Amino acid sequence: MPTIDIFRLEPNPLIFSAGQTIFNIGDHGDLMYAVLEGEVNIIVNNTITETTIVGGVFGEMGVVDDDHIRTATAVAKTDCKLVAINRKRFMFLVQQTPYFAVEIMQILAGRLHRNDRYIP
């Protein structure tokens, strides 16, 4: 899985404690998150479908889709440092760093393939 490390020097990361909910299924989402430290569980129907680790991102549909409603819950598995990325910053990164967009597409494609197993 690709890792994104352009955020490693982020001066003001968000801090979440183990067990803390980052967002819930059904919430309106307008941010994606990059993991600087720790691990985050992505949960759908009470099942952990993925654990996002350092260098990974989650919640990306929040910046790709204009009116996104979260389709999963994200919970800090361990104490975490995260970078919140809004749509404006996302669009800037896509324009200034085209490989960033490719990495996001690779992450999305991998996630779709892995989640196929949860579809009856």
PDB file of N, CA and C in Angstrom:
ATOM      1  N   MET A   1       0.847  -1.176   0.000  1.00  0.00           N
ATOM      2  CA  MET A   1       0.000   0.000   0.000  1.00  0.00           C
ATOM      3  C   MET A   1       0.891   1.237   0.000  1.00  0.00           C
ATOM      4  N   PRO A   2       0.558   2.222  -0.827  1.00  0.00           N
ATOM      5  CA  PRO A   2       1.370   3.441  -0.847  1.00  0.00           C
ATOM      6  C   PRO A   2       1.306   4.155   0.502  1.00  0.00           C
ATOM      7  N   THR A   3       2.380   4.831   0.832  1.00  0.00           N
ATOM      8  CA  THR A   3       2.364   5.674   2.029  1.00  0.00           C
ATOM      9  C   THR A   3       2.636   7.108   1.598  1.00  0.00           C
ATOM     10  N   ILE A   4       2.014   8.012   2.288  1.00  0.00           N
ATOM     11  CA  ILE A   4       2.140   9.430   1.963  1.00  0.00           C
ATOM     12  C   ILE A   4       2.924  10.079   3.087  1.00  0.00           C
ATOM     13  N   ASP A   5       4.073  10.662   2.720  1.00  0.00           N
ATOM     14  CA  ASP A   5       4.878  11.206   3.797  1.00  0.00           C
ATOM     15  C   ASP A   5       5.132  12.699   3.640  1.00  0.00           C
ATOM     16  N   ILE A   6       4.335  13.368   2.812  1.00  0.00           N
ATOM     17  CA  ILE A   6       4.514  14.818   2.651  1.00  0.00           C
ATOM     18  C   ILE A   6       4.020  15.607   3.866  1.00  0.00           C
ATOM     19  N   PHE A   7       3.345  14.945   4.784  1.00  0.00           N
ATOM     20  CA  PHE A   7       2.807  15.627   5.960  1.00  0.00           C
ATOM     21  C   PHE A   7       3.656  15.431   7.202  1.00  0.00           C
ATOM     22  N   ARG A   8       4.770  14.734   7.088  1.00  0.00           N
ATOM     23  CA  ARG A   8       5.539  14.338   8.270  1.00  0.00           C
ATOM     24  C   ARG A   8       6.052  15.518   9.095  1.00  0.00           C
ATOM     25  N   LEU A   9       6.168  16.696   8.489  1.00  0.00           N
ATOM     26  CA  LEU A   9       6.652  17.869   9.216  1.00  0.00           C
ATOM     27  C   LEU A   9       5.523  18.812   9.626  1.00  0.00           C
ATOM     28  N   GLU A  10       4.304  18.314   9.605  1.00  0.00           N
ATOM     29  CA  GLU A  10       3.136  19.125   9.970  1.00  0.00           C
ATOM     30  C   GLU A  10       3.332  19.718  11.369  1.00  0.00           C
ATOM     31  N   PRO A  11       3.233  21.048  11.494  1.00  0.00           N
ATOM     32  CA  PRO A  11       3.524  21.664  12.786  1.00  0.00           C
ATOM     33  C   PRO A  11       2.424  21.510  13.844  1.00  0.00           C
ATOM     34  N   ASN A  12       1.176  21.298  13.426  1.00  0.00           N
ATOM     35  CA  ASN A  12       0.069  21.247  14.390  1.00  0.00           C
ATOM     36  C   ASN A  12      -0.812  20.027  14.177  1.00  0.00           C
ATOM     37  N   PRO A  13      -0.301  18.832  14.454  1.00  0.00           N
ATOM     38  CA  PRO A  13      -1.144  17.648  14.250  1.00  0.00           C
ATOM     39  C   PRO A  13      -2.271  17.585  15.280  1.00  0.00           C
ATOM     40  N   LEU A  14      -3.327  16.872  14.900  1.00  0.00           N
ATOM     41  CA  LEU A  14      -4.420  16.593  15.831  1.00  0.00           C
ATOM     42  C   LEU A  14      -4.026  15.378  16.664  1.00  0.00           C
ATOM     43  N   ILE A  15      -4.351  15.400  17.926  1.00  0.00           N
ATOM     44  CA  ILE A  15      -4.004  14.309  18.835  1.00  0.00           C
ATOM     45  C   ILE A  15      -5.285  13.573  19.234  1.00  0.00           C
ATOM     46  N   PHE A  16      -5.273  12.257  19.092  1.00  0.00           N
ATOM     47  CA  PHE A  16      -6.391  11.415  19.516  1.00  0.00           C
ATOM     48  C   PHE A  16      -5.849  10.316  20.418  1.00  0.00           C
ATOM     49  N   SER A  17      -6.571  10.031  21.479  1.00  0.00           N
ATOM     50  CA  SER A  17      -6.196   8.955  22.398  1.00  0.00           C
ATOM     51  C   SER A  17      -6.765   7.640  21.903  1.00  0.00           C
ATOM     52  N   ALA A  18      -6.124   6.544  22.274  1.00  0.00           N
ATOM     53  CA  ALA A  18      -6.621   5.212  21.921  1.00  0.00           C
ATOM     54  C   ALA A  18      -8.081   5.088  22.337  1.00  0.00           C
ATOM     55  N   GLY A  19      -8.913   4.608  21.432  1.00  0.00           N
ATOM     56  CA  GLY A  19     -10.332   4.424  21.701  1.00  0.00           C
ATOM     57  C   GLY A  19     -11.198   5.621  21.354  1.00  0.00           C
ATOM     58  N   GLN A  20     -10.583   6.738  21.068  1.00  0.00           N
ATOM     59  CA  GLN A  20     -11.345   7.953  20.748  1.00  0.00           C
ATOM     60  C   GLN A  20     -11.874   7.896  19.319  1.00  0.00           C
ATOM     61  N   THR A  21     -13.135   8.286  19.137  1.00  0.00           N
ATOM     62  CA  THR A  21     -13.749   8.303  17.812  1.00  0.00           C
ATOM     63  C   THR A  21     -13.330   9.568  17.075  1.00  0.00           C
ATOM     64  N   ILE A  22     -12.892   9.395  15.830  1.00  0.00           N
ATOM     65  CA  ILE A  22     -12.482  10.514  14.978  1.00  0.00           C
ATOM     66  C   ILE A  22     -13.688  11.011  14.188  1.00  0.00           C
ATOM     67  N   PHE A  23     -14.453  10.071  13.630  1.00  0.00           N
ATOM     68  CA  PHE A  23     -15.748  10.391  13.038  1.00  0.00           C
ATOM     69  C   PHE A  23     -16.608   9.142  13.025  1.00  0.00           C
ATOM     70  N   ASN A  24     -17.918   9.357  12.925  1.00  0.00           N
ATOM     71  CA  ASN A  24     -18.890   8.263  12.931  1.00  0.00           C
ATOM     72  C   ASN A  24     -19.549   8.106  11.577  1.00  0.00           C
ATOM     73  N   ILE A  25     -19.973   6.882  11.293  1.00  0.00           N
ATOM     74  CA  ILE A  25     -20.771   6.615  10.111  1.00  0.00           C
ATOM     75  C   ILE A  25     -22.001   7.533  10.167  1.00  0.00           C
ATOM     76  N   GLY A  26     -22.338   8.130   9.045  1.00  0.00           N
ATOM     77  CA  GLY A  26     -23.480   9.037   8.975  1.00  0.00           C
ATOM     78  C   GLY A  26     -23.132  10.497   9.189  1.00  0.00           C
ATOM     79  N   ASP A  27     -21.933  10.780   9.727  1.00  0.00           N
ATOM     80  CA  ASP A  27     -21.505  12.178   9.891  1.00  0.00           C
ATOM     81  C   ASP A  27     -21.271  12.802   8.526  1.00  0.00           C
ATOM     82  N   HIS A  28     -21.452  14.119   8.450  1.00  0.00           N
ATOM     83  CA  HIS A  28     -21.052  14.844   7.253  1.00  0.00           C
ATOM     84  C   HIS A  28     -19.531  14.907   7.276  1.00  0.00           C
ATOM     85  N   GLY A  29     -18.898  14.632   6.143  1.00  0.00           N
ATOM     86  CA  GLY A  29     -17.439  14.623   6.104  1.00  0.00           C
ATOM     87  C   GLY A  29     -16.886  15.629   5.123  1.00  0.00           C
ATOM     88  N   ASP A  30     -16.014  16.513   5.577  1.00  0.00           N
ATOM     89  CA  ASP A  30     -15.368  17.457   4.673  1.00  0.00           C
ATOM     90  C   ASP A  30     -13.853  17.511   4.889  1.00  0.00           C
ATOM     91  N   LEU A  31     -13.334  16.487   5.568  1.00  0.00           N
ATOM     92  CA  LEU A  31     -11.898  16.380   5.811  1.00  0.00           C
ATOM     93  C   LEU A  31     -11.433  14.956   5.523  1.00  0.00           C
ATOM     94  N   MET A  32     -10.180  14.839   5.108  1.00  0.00           N
ATOM     95  CA  MET A  32      -9.506  13.546   5.113  1.00  0.00           C
ATOM     96  C   MET A  32      -8.374  13.667   6.122  1.00  0.00           C
ATOM     97  N   TYR A  33      -7.813  12.538   6.496  1.00  0.00           N
ATOM     98  CA  TYR A  33      -6.783  12.526   7.528  1.00  0.00           C
ATOM     99  C   TYR A  33      -5.583  11.709   7.070  1.00  0.00           C
ATOM    100  N   ALA A  34      -4.400  12.197   7.422  1.00  0.00           N
ATOM    101  CA  ALA A  34      -3.160  11.451   7.220  1.00  0.00           C
ATOM    102  C   ALA A  34      -2.642  11.059   8.598  1.00  0.00           C
ATOM    103  N   VAL A  35      -2.135   9.840   8.711  1.00  0.00           N
ATOM    104  CA  VAL A  35      -1.652   9.325   9.993  1.00  0.00           C
ATOM    105  C   VAL A  35      -0.149   9.590  10.109  1.00  0.00           C
ATOM    106  N   LEU A  36       0.209  10.420  11.091  1.00  0.00           N
ATOM    107  CA  LEU A  36       1.623  10.702  11.371  1.00  0.00           C
ATOM    108  C   LEU A  36       2.198   9.715  12.369  1.00  0.00           C
ATOM    109  N   GLU A  37       1.388   9.371  13.373  1.00  0.00           N
ATOM    110  CA  GLU A  37       1.783   8.399  14.393  1.00  0.00           C
ATOM    111  C   GLU A  37       0.560   7.611  14.805  1.00  0.00           C
ATOM    112  N   GLY A  38       0.762   6.348  15.138  1.00  0.00           N
ATOM    113  CA  GLY A  38      -0.318   5.515  15.641  1.00  0.00           C
ATOM    114  C   GLY A  38      -1.066   4.765  14.552  1.00  0.00           C
ATOM    115  N   GLU A  39      -2.229   4.235  14.930  1.00  0.00           N
ATOM    116  CA  GLU A  39      -3.058   3.436  14.033  1.00  0.00           C
ATOM    117  C   GLU A  39      -4.516   3.792  14.247  1.00  0.00           C
ATOM    118  N   VAL A  40      -5.295   3.734  13.152  1.00  0.00           N
ATOM    119  CA  VAL A  40      -6.720   4.066  13.201  1.00  0.00           C
ATOM    120  C   VAL A  40      -7.513   2.914  12.595  1.00  0.00           C
ATOM    121  N   ASN A  41      -8.510   2.429  13.326  1.00  0.00           N
ATOM    122  CA  ASN A  41      -9.400   1.385  12.800  1.00  0.00           C
ATOM    123  C   ASN A  41     -10.552   2.026  12.040  1.00  0.00           C
ATOM    124  N   ILE A  42     -10.848   1.461  10.879  1.00  0.00           N
ATOM    125  CA  ILE A  42     -11.998   1.858  10.079  1.00  0.00           C
ATOM    126  C   ILE A  42     -13.035   0.756  10.267  1.00  0.00           C
ATOM    127  N   ILE A  43     -14.230   1.145  10.708  1.00  0.00           N
ATOM    128  CA  ILE A  43     -15.244   0.171  11.123  1.00  0.00           C
ATOM    129  C   ILE A  43     -16.523   0.359  10.319  1.00  0.00           C
ATOM    130  N   VAL A  44     -17.022  -0.745   9.759  1.00  0.00           N
ATOM    131  CA  VAL A  44     -18.297  -0.762   9.048  1.00  0.00           C
ATOM    132  C   VAL A  44     -19.100  -1.936   9.593  1.00  0.00           C
ATOM    133  N   ASN A  45     -20.344  -1.681   9.981  1.00  0.00           N
ATOM    134  CA  ASN A  45     -21.216  -2.737  10.519  1.00  0.00           C
ATOM    135  C   ASN A  45     -20.541  -3.517  11.646  1.00  0.00           C
ATOM    136  N   ASN A  46     -19.918  -2.792  12.571  1.00  0.00           N
ATOM    137  CA  ASN A  46     -19.237  -3.389  13.730  1.00  0.00           C
ATOM    138  C   ASN A  46     -18.073  -4.303  13.365  1.00  0.00           C
ATOM    139  N   THR A  47     -17.568  -4.166  12.139  1.00  0.00           N
ATOM    140  CA  THR A  47     -16.421  -4.959  11.693  1.00  0.00           C
ATOM    141  C   THR A  47     -15.281  -4.025  11.317  1.00  0.00           C
ATOM    142  N   ILE A  48     -14.084  -4.308  11.826  1.00  0.00           N
ATOM    143  CA  ILE A  48     -12.912  -3.533  11.424  1.00  0.00           C
ATOM    144  C   ILE A  48     -12.553  -3.979  10.003  1.00  0.00           C
ATOM    145  N   THR A  49     -12.737  -3.074   9.054  1.00  0.00           N
ATOM    146  CA  THR A  49     -12.454  -3.413   7.657  1.00  0.00           C
ATOM    147  C   THR A  49     -11.027  -3.054   7.258  1.00  0.00           C
ATOM    148  N   GLU A  50     -10.414  -2.186   8.047  1.00  0.00           N
ATOM    149  CA  GLU A  50      -9.050  -1.763   7.733  1.00  0.00           C
ATOM    150  C   GLU A  50      -8.452  -1.095   8.952  1.00  0.00           C
ATOM    151  N   THR A  51      -7.136  -1.184   9.080  1.00  0.00           N
ATOM    152  CA  THR A  51      -6.398  -0.415  10.070  1.00  0.00           C
ATOM    153  C   THR A  51      -5.411   0.447   9.300  1.00  0.00           C
ATOM    154  N   THR A  52      -5.572   1.757   9.433  1.00  0.00           N
ATOM    155  CA  THR A  52      -4.696   2.697   8.728  1.00  0.00           C
ATOM    156  C   THR A  52      -3.505   2.998   9.633  1.00  0.00           C
ATOM    157  N   ILE A  53      -2.314   2.854   9.067  1.00  0.00           N
ATOM    158  CA  ILE A  53      -1.081   3.020   9.835  1.00  0.00           C
ATOM    159  C   ILE A  53      -0.345   4.285   9.393  1.00  0.00           C
ATOM    160  N   VAL A  54       0.808   4.534   9.996  1.00  0.00           N
ATOM    161  CA  VAL A  54       1.625   5.698   9.665  1.00  0.00           C
ATOM    162  C   VAL A  54       1.857   5.765   8.158  1.00  0.00           C
ATOM    163  N   GLY A  55       1.620   6.948   7.594  1.00  0.00           N
ATOM    164  CA  GLY A  55       1.779   7.152   6.154  1.00  0.00           C
ATOM    165  C   GLY A  55       0.502   6.901   5.379  1.00  0.00           C
ATOM    166  N   GLY A  56      -0.516   6.365   6.047  1.00  0.00           N
ATOM    167  CA  GLY A  56      -1.784   6.098   5.383  1.00  0.00           C
ATOM    168  C   GLY A  56      -2.740   7.264   5.535  1.00  0.00           C
ATOM    169  N   VAL A  57      -3.788   7.230   4.737  1.00  0.00           N
ATOM    170  CA  VAL A  57      -4.837   8.242   4.822  1.00  0.00           C
ATOM    171  C   VAL A  57      -6.186   7.545   4.926  1.00  0.00           C
ATOM    172  N   PHE A  58      -7.163   8.274   5.455  1.00  0.00           N
ATOM    173  CA  PHE A  58      -8.527   7.758   5.519  1.00  0.00           C
ATOM    174  C   PHE A  58      -9.479   8.944   5.480  1.00  0.00           C
ATOM    175  N   GLY A  59     -10.728   8.670   5.145  1.00  0.00           N
ATOM    176  CA  GLY A  59     -11.722   9.739   5.057  1.00  0.00           C
ATOM    177  C   GLY A  59     -11.607  10.568   3.796  1.00  0.00           C
ATOM    178  N   GLU A  60     -10.869  10.055   2.800  1.00  0.00           N
ATOM    179  CA  GLU A  60     -10.588  10.838   1.597  1.00  0.00           C
ATOM    180  C   GLU A  60     -11.828  11.212   0.796  1.00  0.00           C
ATOM    181  N   MET A  61     -12.896  10.432   0.925  1.00  0.00           N
ATOM    182  CA  MET A  61     -14.117  10.789   0.197  1.00  0.00           C
ATOM    183  C   MET A  61     -14.680  12.114   0.694  1.00  0.00           C
ATOM    184  N   GLY A  62     -14.317  12.526   1.887  1.00  0.00           N
ATOM    185  CA  GLY A  62     -14.758  13.803   2.421  1.00  0.00           C
ATOM    186  C   GLY A  62     -14.243  14.999   1.638  1.00  0.00           C
ATOM    187  N   VAL A  63     -13.125  14.847   0.946  1.00  0.00           N
ATOM    188  CA  VAL A  63     -12.603  15.950   0.133  1.00  0.00           C
ATOM    189  C   VAL A  63     -12.829  15.722  -1.354  1.00  0.00           C
ATOM    190  N   VAL A  64     -13.168  14.509  -1.737  1.00  0.00           N
ATOM    191  CA  VAL A  64     -13.414  14.194  -3.147  1.00  0.00           C
ATOM    192  C   VAL A  64     -14.871  14.467  -3.515  1.00  0.00           C
ATOM    193  N   ASP A  65     -15.790  14.133  -2.610  1.00  0.00           N
ATOM    194  CA  ASP A  65     -17.222  14.257  -2.842  1.00  0.00           C
ATOM    195  C   ASP A  65     -17.728  15.519  -2.147  1.00  0.00           C
ATOM    196  N   ASP A  66     -18.455  16.377  -2.876  1.00  0.00           N
ATOM    197  CA  ASP A  66     -18.908  17.663  -2.327  1.00  0.00           C
ATOM    198  C   ASP A  66     -19.792  17.536  -1.094  1.00  0.00           C
ATOM    199  N   ASP A  67     -20.669  16.561  -1.060  1.00  0.00           N
ATOM    200  CA  ASP A  67     -21.610  16.458   0.049  1.00  0.00           C
ATOM    201  C   ASP A  67     -21.541  15.060   0.632  1.00  0.00           C
ATOM    202  N   HIS A  68     -20.376  14.718   1.141  1.00  0.00           N
ATOM    203  CA  HIS A  68     -20.121  13.349   1.564  1.00  0.00           C
ATOM    204  C   HIS A  68     -20.674  13.058   2.951  1.00  0.00           C
ATOM    205  N   ILE A  69     -21.363  11.936   3.057  1.00  0.00           N
ATOM    206  CA  ILE A  69     -21.795  11.403   4.340  1.00  0.00           C
ATOM    207  C   ILE A  69     -20.888  10.203   4.631  1.00  0.00           C
ATOM    208  N   ARG A  70     -20.290  10.169   5.794  1.00  0.00           N
ATOM    209  CA  ARG A  70     -19.346   9.099   6.141  1.00  0.00           C
ATOM    210  C   ARG A  70     -20.015   7.733   6.064  1.00  0.00           C
ATOM    211  N   THR A  71     -19.311   6.794   5.442  1.00  0.00           N
ATOM    212  CA  THR A  71     -19.825   5.432   5.284  1.00  0.00           C
ATOM    213  C   THR A  71     -19.148   4.458   6.241  1.00  0.00           C
ATOM    214  N   ALA A  72     -18.318   4.984   7.117  1.00  0.00           N
ATOM    215  CA  ALA A  72     -17.615   4.164   8.108  1.00  0.00           C
ATOM    216  C   ALA A  72     -17.368   5.017   9.341  1.00  0.00           C
ATOM    217  N   THR A  73     -16.962   4.357  10.395  1.00  0.00           N
ATOM    218  CA  THR A  73     -16.547   5.022  11.629  1.00  0.00           C
ATOM    219  C   THR A  73     -15.034   4.856  11.736  1.00  0.00           C
ATOM    220  N   ALA A  74     -14.358   5.905  12.171  1.00  0.00           N
ATOM    221  CA  ALA A  74     -12.909   5.847  12.380  1.00  0.00           C
ATOM    222  C   ALA A  74     -12.622   6.029  13.866  1.00  0.00           C
ATOM    223  N   VAL A  75     -11.879   5.076  14.432  1.00  0.00           N
ATOM    224  CA  VAL A  75     -11.561   5.095  15.862  1.00  0.00           C
ATOM    225  C   VAL A  75     -10.056   4.888  16.031  1.00  0.00           C
ATOM    226  N   ALA A  76      -9.452   5.708  16.869  1.00  0.00           N
ATOM    227  CA  ALA A  76      -8.022   5.550  17.144  1.00  0.00           C
ATOM    228  C   ALA A  76      -7.788   4.205  17.828  1.00  0.00           C
ATOM    229  N   LYS A  77      -6.993   3.358  17.188  1.00  0.00           N
ATOM    230  CA  LYS A  77      -6.636   2.057  17.778  1.00  0.00           C
ATOM    231  C   LYS A  77      -5.583   2.262  18.868  1.00  0.00           C
ATOM    232  N   THR A  78      -4.683   3.196  18.597  1.00  0.00           N
ATOM    233  CA  THR A  78      -3.634   3.569  19.545  1.00  0.00           C
ATOM    234  C   THR A  78      -3.665   5.091  19.660  1.00  0.00           C
ATOM    235  N   ASP A  79      -2.872   5.642  20.560  1.00  0.00           N
ATOM    236  CA  ASP A  79      -2.724   7.098  20.571  1.00  0.00           C
ATOM    237  C   ASP A  79      -2.216   7.515  19.192  1.00  0.00           C
ATOM    238  N   CYS A  80      -2.773   8.604  18.658  1.00  0.00           N
ATOM    239  CA  CYS A  80      -2.474   8.995  17.277  1.00  0.00           C
ATOM    240  C   CYS A  80      -2.172  10.476  17.146  1.00  0.00           C
ATOM    241  N   LYS A  81      -1.373  10.761  16.134  1.00  0.00           N
ATOM    242  CA  LYS A  81      -1.212  12.129  15.641  1.00  0.00           C
ATOM    243  C   LYS A  81      -1.662  12.098  14.185  1.00  0.00           C
ATOM    244  N   LEU A  82      -2.617  12.979  13.870  1.00  0.00           N
ATOM    245  CA  LEU A  82      -3.197  13.018  12.529  1.00  0.00           C
ATOM    246  C   LEU A  82      -3.098  14.420  11.946  1.00  0.00           C
ATOM    247  N   VAL A  83      -3.092  14.480  10.633  1.00  0.00           N
ATOM    248  CA  VAL A  83      -3.191  15.752   9.927  1.00  0.00           C
ATOM    249  C   VAL A  83      -4.554  15.780   9.259  1.00  0.00           C
ATOM    250  N   ALA A  84      -5.330  16.823   9.533  1.00  0.00           N
ATOM    251  CA  ALA A  84      -6.623  17.009   8.865  1.00  0.00           C
ATOM    252  C   ALA A  84      -6.386  17.816   7.596  1.00  0.00           C
ATOM    253  N   ILE A  85      -6.954  17.330   6.485  1.00  0.00           N
ATOM    254  CA  ILE A  85      -6.762  17.975   5.192  1.00  0.00           C
ATOM    255  C   ILE A  85      -8.136  18.342   4.642  1.00  0.00           C
ATOM    256  N   ASN A  86      -8.360  19.630   4.435  1.00  0.00           N
ATOM    257  CA  ASN A  86      -9.630  20.067   3.863  1.00  0.00           C
ATOM    258  C   ASN A  86      -9.558  20.049   2.335  1.00  0.00           C
ATOM    259  N   ARG A  87     -10.668  20.307   1.695  1.00  0.00           N
ATOM    260  CA  ARG A  87     -10.741  20.241   0.230  1.00  0.00           C
ATOM    261  C   ARG A  87      -9.792  21.233  -0.436  1.00  0.00           C
ATOM    262  N   LYS A  88      -9.690  22.441   0.094  1.00  0.00           N
ATOM    263  CA  LYS A  88      -8.813  23.454  -0.497  1.00  0.00           C
ATOM    264  C   LYS A  88      -7.356  22.969  -0.497  1.00  0.00           C
ATOM    265  N   ARG A  89      -6.923  22.432   0.633  1.00  0.00           N
ATOM    266  CA  ARG A  89      -5.546  21.930   0.719  1.00  0.00           C
ATOM    267  C   ARG A  89      -5.357  20.711  -0.180  1.00  0.00           C
ATOM    268  N   PHE A  90      -6.361  19.844  -0.217  1.00  0.00           N
ATOM    269  CA  PHE A  90      -6.305  18.665  -1.078  1.00  0.00           C
ATOM    270  C   PHE A  90      -6.122  19.086  -2.537  1.00  0.00           C
ATOM    271  N   MET A  91      -6.938  20.042  -3.000  1.00  0.00           N
ATOM    272  CA  MET A  91      -6.857  20.497  -4.393  1.00  0.00           C
ATOM    273  C   MET A  91      -5.499  21.134  -4.680  1.00  0.00           C
ATOM    274  N   PHE A  92      -4.966  21.884  -3.734  1.00  0.00           N
ATOM    275  CA  PHE A  92      -3.640  22.468  -3.891  1.00  0.00           C
ATOM    276  C   PHE A  92      -2.593  21.364  -4.048  1.00  0.00           C
ATOM    277  N   LEU A  93      -2.666  20.349  -3.198  1.00  0.00           N
ATOM    278  CA  LEU A  93      -1.703  19.241  -3.264  1.00  0.00           C
ATOM    279  C   LEU A  93      -1.799  18.494  -4.589  1.00  0.00           C
ATOM    280  N   VAL A  94      -3.016  18.286  -5.076  1.00  0.00           N
ATOM    281  CA  VAL A  94      -3.199  17.598  -6.362  1.00  0.00           C
ATOM    282  C   VAL A  94      -2.570  18.428  -7.485  1.00  0.00           C
ATOM    283  N   GLN A  95      -2.755  19.753  -7.441  1.00  0.00           N
ATOM    284  CA  GLN A  95      -2.205  20.615  -8.486  1.00  0.00           C
ATOM    285  C   GLN A  95      -0.690  20.733  -8.407  1.00  0.00           C
ATOM    286  N   GLN A  96      -0.160  20.851  -7.207  1.00  0.00           N
ATOM    287  CA  GLN A  96       1.272  21.093  -7.036  1.00  0.00           C
ATOM    288  C   GLN A  96       2.115  19.820  -6.995  1.00  0.00           C
ATOM    289  N   THR A  97       1.484  18.712  -6.626  1.00  0.00           N
ATOM    290  CA  THR A  97       2.199  17.448  -6.478  1.00  0.00           C
ATOM    291  C   THR A  97       1.375  16.351  -7.151  1.00  0.00           C
ATOM    292  N   PRO A  98       1.441  16.250  -8.479  1.00  0.00           N
ATOM    293  CA  PRO A  98       0.583  15.280  -9.177  1.00  0.00           C
ATOM    294  C   PRO A  98       0.712  13.850  -8.658  1.00  0.00           C
ATOM    295  N   TYR A  99       1.877  13.457  -8.182  1.00  0.00           N
ATOM    296  CA  TYR A  99       2.022  12.098  -7.680  1.00  0.00           C
ATOM    297  C   TYR A  99       1.148  11.865  -6.451  1.00  0.00           C
ATOM    298  N   PHE A 100       0.859  12.924  -5.710  1.00  0.00           N
ATOM    299  CA  PHE A 100      -0.054  12.819  -4.571  1.00  0.00           C
ATOM    300  C   PHE A 100      -1.407  12.280  -5.035  1.00  0.00           C
ATOM    301  N   ALA A 101      -1.917  12.809  -6.148  1.00  0.00           N
ATOM    302  CA  ALA A 101      -3.211  12.348  -6.682  1.00  0.00           C
ATOM    303  C   ALA A 101      -3.133  10.871  -7.067  1.00  0.00           C
ATOM    304  N   VAL A 102      -2.028  10.455  -7.653  1.00  0.00           N
ATOM    305  CA  VAL A 102      -1.849   9.049  -8.025  1.00  0.00           C
ATOM    306  C   VAL A 102      -1.856   8.179  -6.772  1.00  0.00           C
ATOM    307  N   GLU A 103      -1.171   8.614  -5.724  1.00  0.00           N
ATOM    308  CA  GLU A 103      -1.146   7.845  -4.470  1.00  0.00           C
ATOM    309  C   GLU A 103      -2.555   7.702  -3.886  1.00  0.00           C
ATOM    310  N   ILE A 104      -3.330   8.779  -3.913  1.00  0.00           N
ATOM    311  CA  ILE A 104      -4.698   8.719  -3.396  1.00  0.00           C
ATOM    312  C   ILE A 104      -5.522   7.735  -4.227  1.00  0.00           C
ATOM    313  N   MET A 105      -5.373   7.777  -5.548  1.00  0.00           N
ATOM    314  CA  MET A 105      -6.113   6.840  -6.409  1.00  0.00           C
ATOM    315  C   MET A 105      -5.697   5.400  -6.129  1.00  0.00           C
ATOM    316  N   GLN A 106      -4.414   5.151  -5.892  1.00  0.00           N
ATOM    317  CA  GLN A 106      -3.956   3.800  -5.568  1.00  0.00           C
ATOM    318  C   GLN A 106      -4.541   3.327  -4.244  1.00  0.00           C
ATOM    319  N   ILE A 107      -4.598   4.225  -3.272  1.00  0.00           N
ATOM    320  CA  ILE A 107      -5.185   3.882  -1.974  1.00  0.00           C
ATOM    321  C   ILE A 107      -6.661   3.548  -2.139  1.00  0.00           C
ATOM    322  N   LEU A 108      -7.392   4.384  -2.892  1.00  0.00           N
ATOM    323  CA  LEU A 108      -8.819   4.139  -3.127  1.00  0.00           C
ATOM    324  C   LEU A 108      -9.050   2.811  -3.847  1.00  0.00           C
ATOM    325  N   ALA A 109      -8.250   2.543  -4.868  1.00  0.00           N
ATOM    326  CA  ALA A 109      -8.406   1.289  -5.621  1.00  0.00           C
ATOM    327  C   ALA A 109      -8.141   0.086  -4.728  1.00  0.00           C
ATOM    328  N   GLY A 110      -7.093   0.138  -3.934  1.00  0.00           N
ATOM    329  CA  GLY A 110      -6.792  -0.963  -3.008  1.00  0.00           C
ATOM    330  C   GLY A 110      -7.902  -1.170  -2.005  1.00  0.00           C
ATOM    331  N   ARG A 111      -8.450  -0.078  -1.500  1.00  0.00           N
ATOM    332  CA  ARG A 111      -9.536  -0.157  -0.526  1.00  0.00           C
ATOM    333  C   ARG A 111     -10.775  -0.791  -1.163  1.00  0.00           C
ATOM    334  N   LEU A 112     -11.092  -0.407  -2.391  1.00  0.00           N
ATOM    335  CA  LEU A 112     -12.234  -1.001  -3.088  1.00  0.00           C
ATOM    336  C   LEU A 112     -12.048  -2.501  -3.269  1.00  0.00           C
ATOM    337  N   HIS A 113     -10.851  -2.902  -3.682  1.00  0.00           N
ATOM    338  CA  HIS A 113     -10.588  -4.341  -3.865  1.00  0.00           C
ATOM    339  C   HIS A 113     -10.715  -5.119  -2.550  1.00  0.00           C
ATOM    340  N   ARG A 114     -10.151  -4.556  -1.479  1.00  0.00           N
ATOM    341  CA  ARG A 114     -10.231  -5.244  -0.181  1.00  0.00           C
ATOM    342  C   ARG A 114     -11.655  -5.303   0.346  1.00  0.00           C
ATOM    343  N   ASN A 115     -12.425  -4.256   0.111  1.00  0.00           N
ATOM    344  CA  ASN A 115     -13.791  -4.211   0.634  1.00  0.00           C
ATOM    345  C   ASN A 115     -14.786  -5.040  -0.169  1.00  0.00           C
ATOM    346  N   ASP A 116     -14.393  -5.517  -1.328  1.00  0.00           N
ATOM    347  CA  ASP A 116     -15.265  -6.401  -2.109  1.00  0.00           C
ATOM    348  C   ASP A 116     -15.684  -7.620  -1.296  1.00  0.00           C
ATOM    349  N   ARG A 117     -14.830  -8.058  -0.384  1.00  0.00           N
ATOM    350  CA  ARG A 117     -15.140  -9.269   0.407  1.00  0.00           C
ATOM    351  C   ARG A 117     -16.299  -9.047   1.375  1.00  0.00           C
ATOM    352  N   TYR A 118     -16.638  -7.779   1.642  1.00  0.00           N
ATOM    353  CA  TYR A 118     -17.736  -7.483   2.574  1.00  0.00           C
ATOM    354  C   TYR A 118     -19.089  -7.335   1.870  1.00  0.00           C
ATOM    355  N   ILE A 119     -19.079  -7.439   0.540  1.00  0.00           N
ATOM    356  CA  ILE A 119     -20.321  -7.321  -0.224  1.00  0.00           C
ATOM    357  C   ILE A 119     -20.863  -8.725  -0.482  1.00  0.00           C
ATOM    358  N   PRO A 120     -22.117  -8.977  -0.063  1.00  0.00           N
ATOM    359  CA  PRO A 120     -22.676 -10.333  -0.241  1.00  0.00           C
ATOM    360  C   PRO A 120     -22.910 -10.671  -1.700  1.00  0.00           C
TER     361      PRO A 120
END
